[in-house]
PDB file of N, CA and C in Angstrom:
ATOM      1  N   UNK A   1     -41.887 -12.178 -59.077  1.00  0.00           N
ATOM      2  CA  UNK A   1     -42.295 -11.252 -58.059  1.00  0.00           C
ATOM      3  C   UNK A   1     -41.062 -10.849 -57.246  1.00  0.00           C
ATOM      4  N   UNK A   2     -40.964  -9.586 -56.917  1.00  0.00           N
ATOM      5  CA  UNK A   2     -39.870  -9.076 -56.105  1.00  0.00           C
ATOM      6  C   UNK A   2     -40.268  -9.240 -54.631  1.00  0.00           C
ATOM      7  N   UNK A   3     -39.456 -10.018 -53.888  1.00  0.00           N
ATOM      8  CA  UNK A   3     -39.807 -10.368 -52.517  1.00  0.00           C
ATOM      9  C   UNK A   3     -38.689  -9.989 -51.554  1.00  0.00           C
ATOM     10  N   UNK A   4     -39.068  -9.260 -50.530  1.00  0.00           N
ATOM     11  CA  UNK A   4     -38.169  -8.826 -49.462  1.00  0.00           C
ATOM     12  C   UNK A   4     -38.087  -9.931 -48.411  1.00  0.00           C
ATOM     13  N   UNK A   5     -36.890 -10.251 -47.961  1.00  0.00           N
ATOM     14  CA  UNK A   5     -36.686 -11.276 -46.944  1.00  0.00           C
ATOM     15  C   UNK A   5     -36.548 -10.583 -45.597  1.00  0.00           C
ATOM     16  N   UNK A   6     -37.364 -11.010 -44.636  1.00  0.00           N
ATOM     17  CA  UNK A   6     -37.360 -10.398 -43.315  1.00  0.00           C
ATOM     18  C   UNK A   6     -37.100 -11.456 -42.254  1.00  0.00           C
ATOM     19  N   UNK A   7     -36.229 -11.123 -41.319  1.00  0.00           N
ATOM     20  CA  UNK A   7     -35.944 -12.054 -40.234  1.00  0.00           C
ATOM     21  C   UNK A   7     -34.992 -11.444 -39.239  1.00  0.00           C
ATOM     22  N   UNK A   8     -34.714 -12.211 -38.205  1.00  0.00           N
ATOM     23  CA  UNK A   8     -33.848 -11.733 -37.140  1.00  0.00           C
ATOM     24  C   UNK A   8     -32.402 -11.603 -37.614  1.00  0.00           C
ATOM     25  N   UNK A   9     -31.801 -10.472 -37.307  1.00  0.00           N
ATOM     26  CA  UNK A   9     -30.386 -10.225 -37.572  1.00  0.00           C
ATOM     27  C   UNK A   9     -29.704  -9.806 -36.270  1.00  0.00           C
ATOM     28  N   UNK A  10     -30.255  -8.788 -35.611  1.00  0.00           N
ATOM     29  CA  UNK A  10     -29.665  -8.279 -34.376  1.00  0.00           C
ATOM     30  C   UNK A  10     -29.627  -9.378 -33.313  1.00  0.00           C
ATOM     31  N   UNK A  11     -28.474  -9.531 -32.710  1.00  0.00           N
ATOM     32  CA  UNK A  11     -28.314 -10.539 -31.660  1.00  0.00           C
ATOM     33  C   UNK A  11     -27.772 -11.865 -32.159  1.00  0.00           C
ATOM     34  N   UNK A  12     -27.738 -12.053 -33.473  1.00  0.00           N
ATOM     35  CA  UNK A  12     -27.190 -13.283 -34.042  1.00  0.00           C
ATOM     36  C   UNK A  12     -25.790 -13.016 -34.589  1.00  0.00           C
ATOM     37  N   UNK A  13     -24.993 -14.063 -34.651  1.00  0.00           N
ATOM     38  CA  UNK A  13     -23.678 -13.945 -35.276  1.00  0.00           C
ATOM     39  C   UNK A  13     -23.855 -13.796 -36.777  1.00  0.00           C
ATOM     40  N   UNK A  14     -22.896 -13.098 -37.390  1.00  0.00           N
ATOM     41  CA  UNK A  14     -22.951 -12.820 -38.829  1.00  0.00           C
ATOM     42  C   UNK A  14     -23.197 -14.097 -39.648  1.00  0.00           C
ATOM     43  N   UNK A  15     -22.453 -15.155 -39.363  1.00  0.00           N
ATOM     44  CA  UNK A  15     -22.606 -16.400 -40.123  1.00  0.00           C
ATOM     45  C   UNK A  15     -23.981 -17.024 -39.949  1.00  0.00           C
ATOM     46  N   UNK A  16     -24.581 -16.873 -38.762  1.00  0.00           N
ATOM     47  CA  UNK A  16     -25.896 -17.461 -38.493  1.00  0.00           C
ATOM     48  C   UNK A  16     -26.976 -16.819 -39.362  1.00  0.00           C
ATOM     49  N   UNK A  17     -27.072 -15.507 -39.317  1.00  0.00           N
ATOM     50  CA  UNK A  17     -28.150 -14.885 -40.080  1.00  0.00           C
ATOM     51  C   UNK A  17     -27.859 -14.889 -41.574  1.00  0.00           C
ATOM     52  N   UNK A  18     -26.605 -14.758 -41.984  1.00  0.00           N
ATOM     53  CA  UNK A  18     -26.298 -14.774 -43.420  1.00  0.00           C
ATOM     54  C   UNK A  18     -26.682 -16.108 -44.041  1.00  0.00           C
ATOM     55  N   UNK A  19     -26.439 -17.204 -43.328  1.00  0.00           N
ATOM     56  CA  UNK A  19     -26.804 -18.528 -43.848  1.00  0.00           C
ATOM     57  C   UNK A  19     -28.311 -18.615 -44.068  1.00  0.00           C
ATOM     58  N   UNK A  20     -29.093 -18.154 -43.103  1.00  0.00           N
ATOM     59  CA  UNK A  20     -30.555 -18.206 -43.223  1.00  0.00           C
ATOM     60  C   UNK A  20     -31.051 -17.349 -44.389  1.00  0.00           C
ATOM     61  N   UNK A  21     -30.497 -16.165 -44.516  1.00  0.00           N
ATOM     62  CA  UNK A  21     -30.927 -15.275 -45.590  1.00  0.00           C
ATOM     63  C   UNK A  21     -30.483 -15.817 -46.956  1.00  0.00           C
ATOM     64  N   UNK A  22     -29.267 -16.365 -47.044  1.00  0.00           N
ATOM     65  CA  UNK A  22     -28.788 -16.922 -48.321  1.00  0.00           C
ATOM     66  C   UNK A  22     -29.646 -18.105 -48.759  1.00  0.00           C
ATOM     67  N   UNK A  23     -30.037 -18.961 -47.811  1.00  0.00           N
ATOM     68  CA  UNK A  23     -30.903 -20.091 -48.144  1.00  0.00           C
ATOM     69  C   UNK A  23     -32.251 -19.596 -48.657  1.00  0.00           C
ATOM     70  N   UNK A  24     -32.769 -18.542 -48.051  1.00  0.00           N
ATOM     71  CA  UNK A  24     -34.034 -17.971 -48.508  1.00  0.00           C
ATOM     72  C   UNK A  24     -33.892 -17.393 -49.914  1.00  0.00           C
ATOM     73  N   UNK A  25     -32.768 -16.719 -50.186  1.00  0.00           N
ATOM     74  CA  UNK A  25     -32.512 -16.178 -51.524  1.00  0.00           C
ATOM     75  C   UNK A  25     -32.528 -17.304 -52.548  1.00  0.00           C
ATOM     76  N   UNK A  26     -31.831 -18.383 -52.254  1.00  0.00           N
ATOM     77  CA  UNK A  26     -31.776 -19.521 -53.181  1.00  0.00           C
ATOM     78  C   UNK A  26     -33.156 -20.113 -53.412  1.00  0.00           C
ATOM     79  N   UNK A  27     -33.923 -20.296 -52.335  1.00  0.00           N
ATOM     80  CA  UNK A  27     -35.271 -20.846 -52.480  1.00  0.00           C
ATOM     81  C   UNK A  27     -36.141 -19.929 -53.330  1.00  0.00           C
ATOM     82  N   UNK A  28     -36.156 -18.639 -53.007  1.00  0.00           N
ATOM     83  CA  UNK A  28     -37.015 -17.704 -53.738  1.00  0.00           C
ATOM     84  C   UNK A  28     -36.637 -17.626 -55.211  1.00  0.00           C
ATOM     85  N   UNK A  29     -35.341 -17.652 -55.506  1.00  0.00           N
ATOM     86  CA  UNK A  29     -34.897 -17.656 -56.910  1.00  0.00           C
ATOM     87  C   UNK A  29     -35.350 -18.934 -57.619  1.00  0.00           C
ATOM     88  N   UNK A  30     -35.256 -20.060 -56.923  1.00  0.00           N
ATOM     89  CA  UNK A  30     -35.650 -21.331 -57.539  1.00  0.00           C
ATOM     90  C   UNK A  30     -37.139 -21.345 -57.875  1.00  0.00           C
ATOM     91  N   UNK A  31     -37.911 -20.511 -57.192  1.00  0.00           N
ATOM     92  CA  UNK A  31     -39.344 -20.405 -57.452  1.00  0.00           C
ATOM     93  C   UNK A  31     -39.663 -19.316 -58.487  1.00  0.00           C
ATOM     94  N   UNK A  32     -38.607 -18.703 -59.061  1.00  0.00           N
ATOM     95  CA  UNK A  32     -38.799 -17.702 -60.104  1.00  0.00           C
ATOM     96  C   UNK A  32     -39.004 -16.287 -59.595  1.00  0.00           C
ATOM     97  N   UNK A  33     -38.655 -16.046 -58.344  1.00  0.00           N
ATOM     98  CA  UNK A  33     -38.817 -14.715 -57.758  1.00  0.00           C
ATOM     99  C   UNK A  33     -37.503 -13.942 -57.759  1.00  0.00           C
ATOM    100  N   UNK A  34     -37.609 -12.658 -57.515  1.00  0.00           N
ATOM    101  CA  UNK A  34     -36.456 -11.768 -57.407  1.00  0.00           C
ATOM    102  C   UNK A  34     -36.314 -11.369 -55.936  1.00  0.00           C
ATOM    103  N   UNK A  35     -35.457 -12.070 -55.164  1.00  0.00           N
ATOM    104  CA  UNK A  35     -35.348 -11.786 -53.736  1.00  0.00           C
ATOM    105  C   UNK A  35     -34.524 -10.535 -53.432  1.00  0.00           C
ATOM    106  N   UNK A  36     -34.915  -9.844 -52.369  1.00  0.00           N
ATOM    107  CA  UNK A  36     -34.188  -8.690 -51.861  1.00  0.00           C
ATOM    108  C   UNK A  36     -33.704  -9.063 -50.466  1.00  0.00           C
ATOM    109  N   UNK A  37     -32.394  -9.077 -50.280  1.00  0.00           N
ATOM    110  CA  UNK A  37     -31.768  -9.548 -49.047  1.00  0.00           C
ATOM    111  C   UNK A  37     -31.175  -8.374 -48.258  1.00  0.00           C
ATOM    112  N   UNK A  38     -31.875  -7.888 -47.226  1.00  0.00           N
ATOM    113  CA  UNK A  38     -31.368  -6.762 -46.462  1.00  0.00           C
ATOM    114  C   UNK A  38     -30.149  -7.104 -45.603  1.00  0.00           C
ATOM    115  N   UNK A  39     -29.855  -8.375 -45.430  1.00  0.00           N
ATOM    116  CA  UNK A  39     -28.673  -8.744 -44.637  1.00  0.00           C
ATOM    117  C   UNK A  39     -27.382  -8.366 -45.357  1.00  0.00           C
ATOM    118  N   UNK A  40     -27.492  -8.020 -46.627  1.00  0.00           N
ATOM    119  CA  UNK A  40     -26.322  -7.591 -47.388  1.00  0.00           C
ATOM    120  C   UNK A  40     -25.966  -6.130 -47.122  1.00  0.00           C
ATOM    121  N   UNK A  41     -26.767  -5.435 -46.328  1.00  0.00           N
ATOM    122  CA  UNK A  41     -26.500  -4.022 -46.034  1.00  0.00           C
ATOM    123  C   UNK A  41     -25.280  -3.832 -45.138  1.00  0.00           C
ATOM    124  N   UNK A  42     -24.885  -4.873 -44.421  1.00  0.00           N
ATOM    125  CA  UNK A  42     -23.719  -4.775 -43.557  1.00  0.00           C
ATOM    126  C   UNK A  42     -23.940  -5.451 -42.222  1.00  0.00           C
ATOM    127  N   UNK A  43     -22.873  -5.512 -41.444  1.00  0.00           N
ATOM    128  CA  UNK A  43     -22.926  -6.157 -40.135  1.00  0.00           C
ATOM    129  C   UNK A  43     -23.536  -5.212 -39.099  1.00  0.00           C
ATOM    130  N   UNK A  44     -24.419  -5.733 -38.250  1.00  0.00           N
ATOM    131  CA  UNK A  44     -25.074  -4.879 -37.246  1.00  0.00           C
ATOM    132  C   UNK A  44     -24.113  -4.130 -36.331  1.00  0.00           C
ATOM    133  N   UNK A  45     -22.962  -4.701 -36.064  1.00  0.00           N
ATOM    134  CA  UNK A  45     -22.028  -4.033 -35.164  1.00  0.00           C
ATOM    135  C   UNK A  45     -21.351  -2.814 -35.800  1.00  0.00           C
ATOM    136  N   UNK A  46     -21.508  -2.638 -37.105  1.00  0.00           N
ATOM    137  CA  UNK A  46     -20.891  -1.497 -37.779  1.00  0.00           C
ATOM    138  C   UNK A  46     -21.708  -0.212 -37.648  1.00  0.00           C
ATOM    139  N   UNK A  47     -23.027  -0.353 -37.495  1.00  0.00           N
ATOM    140  CA  UNK A  47     -23.914   0.807 -37.388  1.00  0.00           C
ATOM    141  C   UNK A  47     -25.058   0.474 -36.439  1.00  0.00           C
ATOM    142  N   UNK A  48     -25.869   1.464 -36.143  1.00  0.00           N
ATOM    143  CA  UNK A  48     -26.993   1.280 -35.234  1.00  0.00           C
ATOM    144  C   UNK A  48     -28.165   0.576 -35.926  1.00  0.00           C
ATOM    145  N   UNK A  49     -29.066   0.063 -35.105  1.00  0.00           N
ATOM    146  CA  UNK A  49     -30.275  -0.596 -35.607  1.00  0.00           C
ATOM    147  C   UNK A  49     -31.063   0.351 -36.505  1.00  0.00           C
ATOM    148  N   UNK A  50     -31.264   1.585 -36.048  1.00  0.00           N
ATOM    149  CA  UNK A  50     -32.063   2.525 -36.834  1.00  0.00           C
ATOM    150  C   UNK A  50     -31.377   2.897 -38.153  1.00  0.00           C
ATOM    151  N   UNK A  51     -30.048   2.903 -38.181  1.00  0.00           N
ATOM    152  CA  UNK A  51     -29.328   3.149 -39.435  1.00  0.00           C
ATOM    153  C   UNK A  51     -29.727   2.086 -40.469  1.00  0.00           C
ATOM    154  N   UNK A  52     -29.699   0.811 -40.068  1.00  0.00           N
ATOM    155  CA  UNK A  52     -30.039  -0.266 -41.005  1.00  0.00           C
ATOM    156  C   UNK A  52     -31.515  -0.266 -41.374  1.00  0.00           C
ATOM    157  N   UNK A  53     -32.385   0.052 -40.429  1.00  0.00           N
ATOM    158  CA  UNK A  53     -33.810   0.088 -40.748  1.00  0.00           C
ATOM    159  C   UNK A  53     -34.111   1.198 -41.746  1.00  0.00           C
ATOM    160  N   UNK A  54     -33.409   2.306 -41.640  1.00  0.00           N
ATOM    161  CA  UNK A  54     -33.612   3.406 -42.593  1.00  0.00           C
ATOM    162  C   UNK A  54     -33.146   3.017 -44.002  1.00  0.00           C
ATOM    163  N   UNK A  55     -32.223   2.083 -44.087  1.00  0.00           N
ATOM    164  CA  UNK A  55     -31.767   1.565 -45.385  1.00  0.00           C
ATOM    165  C   UNK A  55     -32.701   0.453 -45.893  1.00  0.00           C
ATOM    166  N   UNK A  56     -33.194  -0.362 -44.968  1.00  0.00           N
ATOM    167  CA  UNK A  56     -33.977  -1.538 -45.341  1.00  0.00           C
ATOM    168  C   UNK A  56     -35.415  -1.203 -45.744  1.00  0.00           C
ATOM    169  N   UNK A  57     -36.033  -0.269 -45.044  1.00  0.00           N
ATOM    170  CA  UNK A  57     -37.441   0.037 -45.320  1.00  0.00           C
ATOM    171  C   UNK A  57     -37.669   0.509 -46.758  1.00  0.00           C
ATOM    172  N   UNK A  58     -36.831   1.365 -47.319  1.00  0.00           N
ATOM    173  CA  UNK A  58     -37.033   1.700 -48.740  1.00  0.00           C
ATOM    174  C   UNK A  58     -36.925   0.482 -49.660  1.00  0.00           C
ATOM    175  N   UNK A  59     -36.034  -0.469 -49.324  1.00  0.00           N
ATOM    176  CA  UNK A  59     -35.946  -1.701 -50.113  1.00  0.00           C
ATOM    177  C   UNK A  59     -37.269  -2.453 -50.051  1.00  0.00           C
ATOM    178  N   UNK A  60     -37.816  -2.578 -48.855  1.00  0.00           N
ATOM    179  CA  UNK A  60     -39.091  -3.261 -48.665  1.00  0.00           C
ATOM    180  C   UNK A  60     -40.189  -2.614 -49.496  1.00  0.00           C
ATOM    181  N   UNK A  61     -40.236  -1.309 -49.491  1.00  0.00           N
ATOM    182  CA  UNK A  61     -41.307  -0.578 -50.187  1.00  0.00           C
ATOM    183  C   UNK A  61     -41.267  -0.752 -51.704  1.00  0.00           C
ATOM    184  N   UNK A  62     -40.144  -1.201 -52.245  1.00  0.00           N
ATOM    185  CA  UNK A  62     -40.014  -1.445 -53.678  1.00  0.00           C
ATOM    186  C   UNK A  62     -40.446  -2.858 -54.066  1.00  0.00           C
ATOM    187  N   UNK A  63     -40.837  -3.664 -53.093  1.00  0.00           N
ATOM    188  CA  UNK A  63     -41.145  -5.075 -53.348  1.00  0.00           C
ATOM    189  C   UNK A  63     -42.646  -5.325 -53.469  1.00  0.00           C
ATOM    190  N   UNK A  64     -42.966  -6.511 -54.006  1.00  0.00           N
ATOM    191  CA  UNK A  64     -44.351  -6.948 -54.151  1.00  0.00           C
ATOM    192  C   UNK A  64     -44.816  -7.769 -52.956  1.00  0.00           C
ATOM    193  N   UNK A  65     -43.855  -8.330 -52.231  1.00  0.00           N
ATOM    194  CA  UNK A  65     -44.202  -9.193 -51.104  1.00  0.00           C
ATOM    195  C   UNK A  65     -43.070  -9.262 -50.107  1.00  0.00           C
ATOM    196  N   UNK A  66     -43.363  -9.937 -48.990  1.00  0.00           N
ATOM    197  CA  UNK A  66     -42.382 -10.122 -47.933  1.00  0.00           C
ATOM    198  C   UNK A  66     -42.369 -11.585 -47.524  1.00  0.00           C
ATOM    199  N   UNK A  67     -41.173 -12.101 -47.301  1.00  0.00           N
ATOM    200  CA  UNK A  67     -40.961 -13.495 -46.910  1.00  0.00           C
ATOM    201  C   UNK A  67     -40.402 -13.487 -45.496  1.00  0.00           C
ATOM    202  N   UNK A  68     -41.187 -13.977 -44.547  1.00  0.00           N
ATOM    203  CA  UNK A  68     -40.834 -13.925 -43.134  1.00  0.00           C
ATOM    204  C   UNK A  68     -40.111 -15.205 -42.737  1.00  0.00           C
ATOM    205  N   UNK A  69     -38.833 -15.065 -42.365  1.00  0.00           N
ATOM    206  CA  UNK A  69     -38.042 -16.211 -41.944  1.00  0.00           C
ATOM    207  C   UNK A  69     -38.507 -16.723 -40.582  1.00  0.00           C
ATOM    208  N   UNK A  70     -38.283 -17.997 -40.363  1.00  0.00           N
ATOM    209  CA  UNK A  70     -38.626 -18.595 -39.081  1.00  0.00           C
ATOM    210  C   UNK A  70     -37.989 -17.776 -37.956  1.00  0.00           C
ATOM    211  N   UNK A  71     -38.753 -17.523 -36.901  1.00  0.00           N
ATOM    212  CA  UNK A  71     -38.255 -16.764 -35.764  1.00  0.00           C
ATOM    213  C   UNK A  71     -38.416 -15.261 -35.896  1.00  0.00           C
ATOM    214  N   UNK A  72     -39.073 -14.803 -36.946  1.00  0.00           N
ATOM    215  CA  UNK A  72     -39.220 -13.365 -37.177  1.00  0.00           C
ATOM    216  C   UNK A  72     -39.913 -12.660 -36.008  1.00  0.00           C
ATOM    217  N   UNK A  73     -40.732 -13.396 -35.275  1.00  0.00           N
ATOM    218  CA  UNK A  73     -41.495 -12.806 -34.179  1.00  0.00           C
ATOM    219  C   UNK A  73     -40.584 -12.237 -33.088  1.00  0.00           C
ATOM    220  N   UNK A  74     -39.364 -12.738 -33.006  1.00  0.00           N
ATOM    221  CA  UNK A  74     -38.417 -12.295 -31.985  1.00  0.00           C
ATOM    222  C   UNK A  74     -37.633 -11.047 -32.404  1.00  0.00           C
ATOM    223  N   UNK A  75     -37.894 -10.537 -33.580  1.00  0.00           N
ATOM    224  CA  UNK A  75     -37.134  -9.407 -34.127  1.00  0.00           C
ATOM    225  C   UNK A  75     -37.996  -8.151 -34.201  1.00  0.00           C
ATOM    226  N   UNK A  76     -37.564  -7.118 -33.506  1.00  0.00           N
ATOM    227  CA  UNK A  76     -38.273  -5.833 -33.551  1.00  0.00           C
ATOM    228  C   UNK A  76     -38.335  -5.308 -34.988  1.00  0.00           C
ATOM    229  N   UNK A  77     -37.227  -5.428 -35.720  1.00  0.00           N
ATOM    230  CA  UNK A  77     -37.199  -4.952 -37.100  1.00  0.00           C
ATOM    231  C   UNK A  77     -38.122  -5.732 -38.016  1.00  0.00           C
ATOM    232  N   UNK A  78     -38.146  -7.046 -37.876  1.00  0.00           N
ATOM    233  CA  UNK A  78     -39.015  -7.881 -38.712  1.00  0.00           C
ATOM    234  C   UNK A  78     -40.489  -7.595 -38.419  1.00  0.00           C
ATOM    235  N   UNK A  79     -40.813  -7.376 -37.163  1.00  0.00           N
ATOM    236  CA  UNK A  79     -42.204  -7.042 -36.819  1.00  0.00           C
ATOM    237  C   UNK A  79     -42.608  -5.714 -37.462  1.00  0.00           C
ATOM    238  N   UNK A  80     -41.697  -4.753 -37.455  1.00  0.00           N
ATOM    239  CA  UNK A  80     -41.963  -3.469 -38.101  1.00  0.00           C
ATOM    240  C   UNK A  80     -42.117  -3.650 -39.612  1.00  0.00           C
ATOM    241  N   UNK A  81     -41.225  -4.426 -40.214  1.00  0.00           N
ATOM    242  CA  UNK A  81     -41.299  -4.669 -41.664  1.00  0.00           C
ATOM    243  C   UNK A  81     -42.613  -5.344 -42.043  1.00  0.00           C
ATOM    244  N   UNK A  82     -43.059  -6.296 -41.231  1.00  0.00           N
ATOM    245  CA  UNK A  82     -44.335  -6.960 -41.513  1.00  0.00           C
ATOM    246  C   UNK A  82     -45.491  -5.978 -41.416  1.00  0.00           C
ATOM    247  N   UNK A  83     -45.463  -5.126 -40.414  1.00  0.00           N
ATOM    248  CA  UNK A  83     -46.513  -4.119 -40.266  1.00  0.00           C
ATOM    249  C   UNK A  83     -46.572  -3.209 -41.493  1.00  0.00           C
ATOM    250  N   UNK A  84     -45.415  -2.790 -41.978  1.00  0.00           N
ATOM    251  CA  UNK A  84     -45.362  -1.944 -43.172  1.00  0.00           C
ATOM    252  C   UNK A  84     -45.889  -2.709 -44.383  1.00  0.00           C
ATOM    253  N   UNK A  85     -45.440  -3.952 -44.554  1.00  0.00           N
ATOM    254  CA  UNK A  85     -45.882  -4.765 -45.704  1.00  0.00           C
ATOM    255  C   UNK A  85     -47.396  -4.949 -45.698  1.00  0.00           C
ATOM    256  N   UNK A  86     -47.946  -5.238 -44.546  1.00  0.00           N
ATOM    257  CA  UNK A  86     -49.413  -5.411 -44.458  1.00  0.00           C
ATOM    258  C   UNK A  86     -50.128  -4.102 -44.756  1.00  0.00           C
ATOM    259  N   UNK A  87     -49.592  -2.994 -44.267  1.00  0.00           N
ATOM    260  CA  UNK A  87     -50.203  -1.684 -44.527  1.00  0.00           C
ATOM    261  C   UNK A  87     -50.192  -1.340 -46.011  1.00  0.00           C
ATOM    262  N   UNK A  88     -49.192  -1.862 -46.722  1.00  0.00           N
ATOM    263  CA  UNK A  88     -49.074  -1.612 -48.164  1.00  0.00           C
ATOM    264  C   UNK A  88     -49.721  -2.713 -48.998  1.00  0.00           C
ATOM    265  N   UNK A  89     -50.479  -3.606 -48.355  1.00  0.00           N
ATOM    266  CA  UNK A  89     -51.186  -4.710 -49.032  1.00  0.00           C
ATOM    267  C   UNK A  89     -50.262  -5.611 -49.837  1.00  0.00           C
ATOM    268  N   UNK A  90     -49.083  -5.870 -49.298  1.00  0.00           N
ATOM    269  CA  UNK A  90     -48.139  -6.775 -49.961  1.00  0.00           C
ATOM    270  C   UNK A  90     -48.505  -8.225 -49.646  1.00  0.00           C
ATOM    271  N   UNK A  91     -48.086  -9.122 -50.525  1.00  0.00           N
ATOM    272  CA  UNK A  91     -48.199 -10.542 -50.245  1.00  0.00           C
ATOM    273  C   UNK A  91     -47.268 -10.880 -49.084  1.00  0.00           C
ATOM    274  N   UNK A  92     -47.748 -11.709 -48.160  1.00  0.00           N
ATOM    275  CA  UNK A  92     -46.959 -12.120 -47.002  1.00  0.00           C
ATOM    276  C   UNK A  92     -46.869 -13.643 -46.997  1.00  0.00           C
ATOM    277  N   UNK A  93     -45.640 -14.153 -46.936  1.00  0.00           N
ATOM    278  CA  UNK A  93     -45.412 -15.601 -46.853  1.00  0.00           C
ATOM    279  C   UNK A  93     -44.490 -15.843 -45.662  1.00  0.00           C
ATOM    280  N   UNK A  94     -44.889 -16.791 -44.805  1.00  0.00           N
ATOM    281  CA  UNK A  94     -44.058 -17.159 -43.676  1.00  0.00           C
ATOM    282  C   UNK A  94     -43.360 -18.472 -43.956  1.00  0.00           C
ATOM    283  N   UNK A  95     -42.104 -18.527 -43.622  1.00  0.00           N
ATOM    284  CA  UNK A  95     -41.329 -19.756 -43.749  1.00  0.00           C
ATOM    285  C   UNK A  95     -41.775 -20.710 -42.646  1.00  0.00           C
ATOM    286  N   UNK A  96     -41.978 -21.952 -43.013  1.00  0.00           N
ATOM    287  CA  UNK A  96     -42.363 -22.960 -42.028  1.00  0.00           C
ATOM    288  C   UNK A  96     -41.340 -24.073 -42.057  1.00  0.00           C
ATOM    289  N   UNK A  97     -40.714 -24.309 -40.938  1.00  0.00           N
ATOM    290  CA  UNK A  97     -39.700 -25.359 -40.856  1.00  0.00           C
ATOM    291  C   UNK A  97     -40.309 -26.704 -40.480  1.00  0.00           C
ATOM    292  N   UNK A  98     -41.608 -26.789 -40.354  1.00  0.00           N
ATOM    293  CA  UNK A  98     -42.243 -27.996 -39.840  1.00  0.00           C
ATOM    294  C   UNK A  98     -42.397 -29.095 -40.888  1.00  0.00           C
ATOM    295  N   UNK A  99     -42.518 -28.724 -42.143  1.00  0.00           N
ATOM    296  CA  UNK A  99     -42.782 -29.703 -43.194  1.00  0.00           C
ATOM    297  C   UNK A  99     -41.613 -29.820 -44.147  1.00  0.00           C
ATOM    298  N   UNK A 100     -41.406 -30.985 -44.667  1.00  0.00           N
ATOM    299  CA  UNK A 100     -40.490 -31.210 -45.781  1.00  0.00           C
ATOM    300  C   UNK A 100     -39.048 -30.789 -45.513  1.00  0.00           C
ATOM    301  N   UNK A 101     -38.565 -30.959 -44.303  1.00  0.00           N
ATOM    302  CA  UNK A 101     -37.184 -30.569 -44.009  1.00  0.00           C
ATOM    303  C   UNK A 101     -36.188 -31.329 -44.869  1.00  0.00           C
ATOM    304  N   UNK A 102     -36.459 -32.600 -45.125  1.00  0.00           N
ATOM    305  CA  UNK A 102     -35.525 -33.403 -45.911  1.00  0.00           C
ATOM    306  C   UNK A 102     -35.453 -32.949 -47.359  1.00  0.00           C
ATOM    307  N   UNK A 103     -36.511 -32.337 -47.844  1.00  0.00           N
ATOM    308  CA  UNK A 103     -36.534 -31.898 -49.236  1.00  0.00           C
ATOM    309  C   UNK A 103     -35.910 -30.517 -49.402  1.00  0.00           C
ATOM    310  N   UNK A 104     -35.637 -29.833 -48.298  1.00  0.00           N
ATOM    311  CA  UNK A 104     -34.980 -28.547 -48.386  1.00  0.00           C
ATOM    312  C   UNK A 104     -35.882 -27.394 -48.783  1.00  0.00           C
ATOM    313  N   UNK A 105     -37.197 -27.613 -48.852  1.00  0.00           N
ATOM    314  CA  UNK A 105     -38.054 -26.488 -49.242  1.00  0.00           C
ATOM    315  C   UNK A 105     -38.759 -25.857 -48.054  1.00  0.00           C
ATOM    316  N   UNK A 106     -38.535 -26.385 -46.856  1.00  0.00           N
ATOM    317  CA  UNK A 106     -39.027 -25.795 -45.616  1.00  0.00           C
ATOM    318  C   UNK A 106     -40.523 -25.583 -45.584  1.00  0.00           C
ATOM    319  N   UNK A 107     -41.271 -26.248 -46.431  1.00  0.00           N
ATOM    320  CA  UNK A 107     -42.722 -26.181 -46.367  1.00  0.00           C
ATOM    321  C   UNK A 107     -43.320 -24.866 -46.821  1.00  0.00           C
ATOM    322  N   UNK A 108     -42.612 -24.077 -47.608  1.00  0.00           N
ATOM    323  CA  UNK A 108     -43.128 -22.814 -48.050  1.00  0.00           C
ATOM    324  C   UNK A 108     -44.321 -23.043 -48.960  1.00  0.00           C
ATOM    325  N   UNK A 109     -45.257 -22.119 -48.869  1.00  0.00           N
ATOM    326  CA  UNK A 109     -46.370 -22.132 -49.810  1.00  0.00           C
ATOM    327  C   UNK A 109     -45.913 -21.584 -51.138  1.00  0.00           C
ATOM    328  N   UNK A 110     -46.784 -21.670 -52.086  1.00  0.00           N
ATOM    329  CA  UNK A 110     -46.467 -21.141 -53.416  1.00  0.00           C
ATOM    330  C   UNK A 110     -46.398 -19.621 -53.353  1.00  0.00           C
ATOM    331  N   UNK A 111     -45.405 -19.067 -53.995  1.00  0.00           N
ATOM    332  CA  UNK A 111     -45.230 -17.610 -53.983  1.00  0.00           C
ATOM    333  C   UNK A 111     -45.748 -16.990 -55.249  1.00  0.00           C
TER     334      UNK A 111
END
């Protein structure tokens, strides 16, 4: 399944959000999915928020589902992406950091 990764980028340092998105890519691949990582579009300080959203939304629309990283609720862009995904009847999976931290799977449900 092709899955779009959604989470907070704006307001975080490049290394902070890239690490979270890369870990999600690795997890989704290990589960046999094809992850789409919008954090690869570039650094937020290079362009405006709306510039990146205009690039990211078409990526989202090509996917079968969306994977919401922990803390997505604090991101205007992630909230918009979730609204679009739900409107398009995509599968929605939220990352949960509460379970299985030692195992590195962050308690994700089956995708």
